[in-house]
Amino acid sequence: MAVSSPLAYYSPVAWLSPLVFSLGVALSGLVDAVLLGLLARRLRAREPYPAG
């Protein structure tokens, strides 16, 4: 958020406030975590378990 604060004052894009930037980063992180979790689950399901 400290990085986005100077950008909000000097940027011609007025709607890019620190709050909108922070919400966008949080939402993209959530989507990334879900996608990585699904990928890990699929890769784990392909491995055969040894009989034991």
Protein backbone atom coordinates (compact mmCIF):
# COMPACT_ATOMS: atom_id res chain seq x y z
CA MET A 1 0.00 0.00 0.00
CA ALA A 2 2.93 2.33 0.56
CA VAL A 3 3.96 1.80 -3.07
CA SER A 4 0.52 2.71 -4.39
CA SER A 5 0.16 5.93 -2.37
CA PRO A 6 2.48 8.11 -4.50
CA LEU A 7 0.91 6.64 -7.61
CA ALA A 8 -2.54 7.83 -6.57
CA TYR A 9 -1.39 11.46 -6.38
CA TYR A 10 0.58 11.66 -9.63
CA SER A 11 -1.26 9.18 -11.83
CA PRO A 12 -3.74 10.38 -14.45
CA VAL A 13 -5.85 7.34 -13.57
CA ALA A 14 -7.99 8.83 -10.79
CA TRP A 15 -9.87 5.64 -9.85
CA LEU A 16 -6.67 3.81 -8.85
CA SER A 17 -6.76 4.62 -5.16
CA PRO A 18 -4.77 2.67 -2.56
CA LEU A 19 -7.98 0.95 -1.44
CA VAL A 20 -8.85 -0.24 -4.96
CA PHE A 21 -5.26 -1.32 -5.53
CA SER A 22 -5.19 -3.27 -2.25
CA LEU A 23 -8.50 -4.97 -2.97
CA GLY A 24 -7.28 -5.94 -6.43
CA VAL A 25 -4.08 -7.43 -5.05
CA ALA A 26 -5.98 -9.35 -2.37
CA LEU A 27 -8.51 -10.68 -4.86
CA SER A 28 -5.85 -11.76 -7.33
CA GLY A 29 -3.96 -13.49 -4.52
CA LEU A 30 -7.09 -15.39 -3.54
CA VAL A 31 -7.72 -16.50 -7.12
CA ASP A 32 -4.07 -17.53 -7.45
CA ALA A 33 -4.23 -19.58 -4.26
CA VAL A 34 -7.38 -21.39 -5.43
CA LEU A 35 -5.87 -22.20 -8.81
CA LEU A 36 -2.62 -23.45 -7.29
CA GLY A 37 -4.59 -25.58 -4.83
CA LEU A 38 -6.60 -27.16 -7.63
CA LEU A 39 -3.43 -27.84 -9.61
CA ALA A 40 -1.74 -29.43 -6.60
CA ARG A 41 -4.78 -31.61 -5.94
CA ARG A 42 -4.82 -32.85 -9.55
CA LEU A 43 -1.12 -33.61 -9.54
CA ARG A 44 -1.42 -35.45 -6.23
CA ALA A 45 -4.34 -37.54 -7.51
CA ARG A 46 -2.28 -38.84 -10.46
CA GLU A 47 0.39 -40.44 -8.28
CA PRO A 48 -0.33 -44.12 -7.54
CA TYR A 49 -0.10 -45.06 -3.88
CA PRO A 50 2.14 -48.02 -3.08
CA ALA A 51 0.42 -51.09 -1.69
CA GLY A 52 1.36 -51.55 1.89
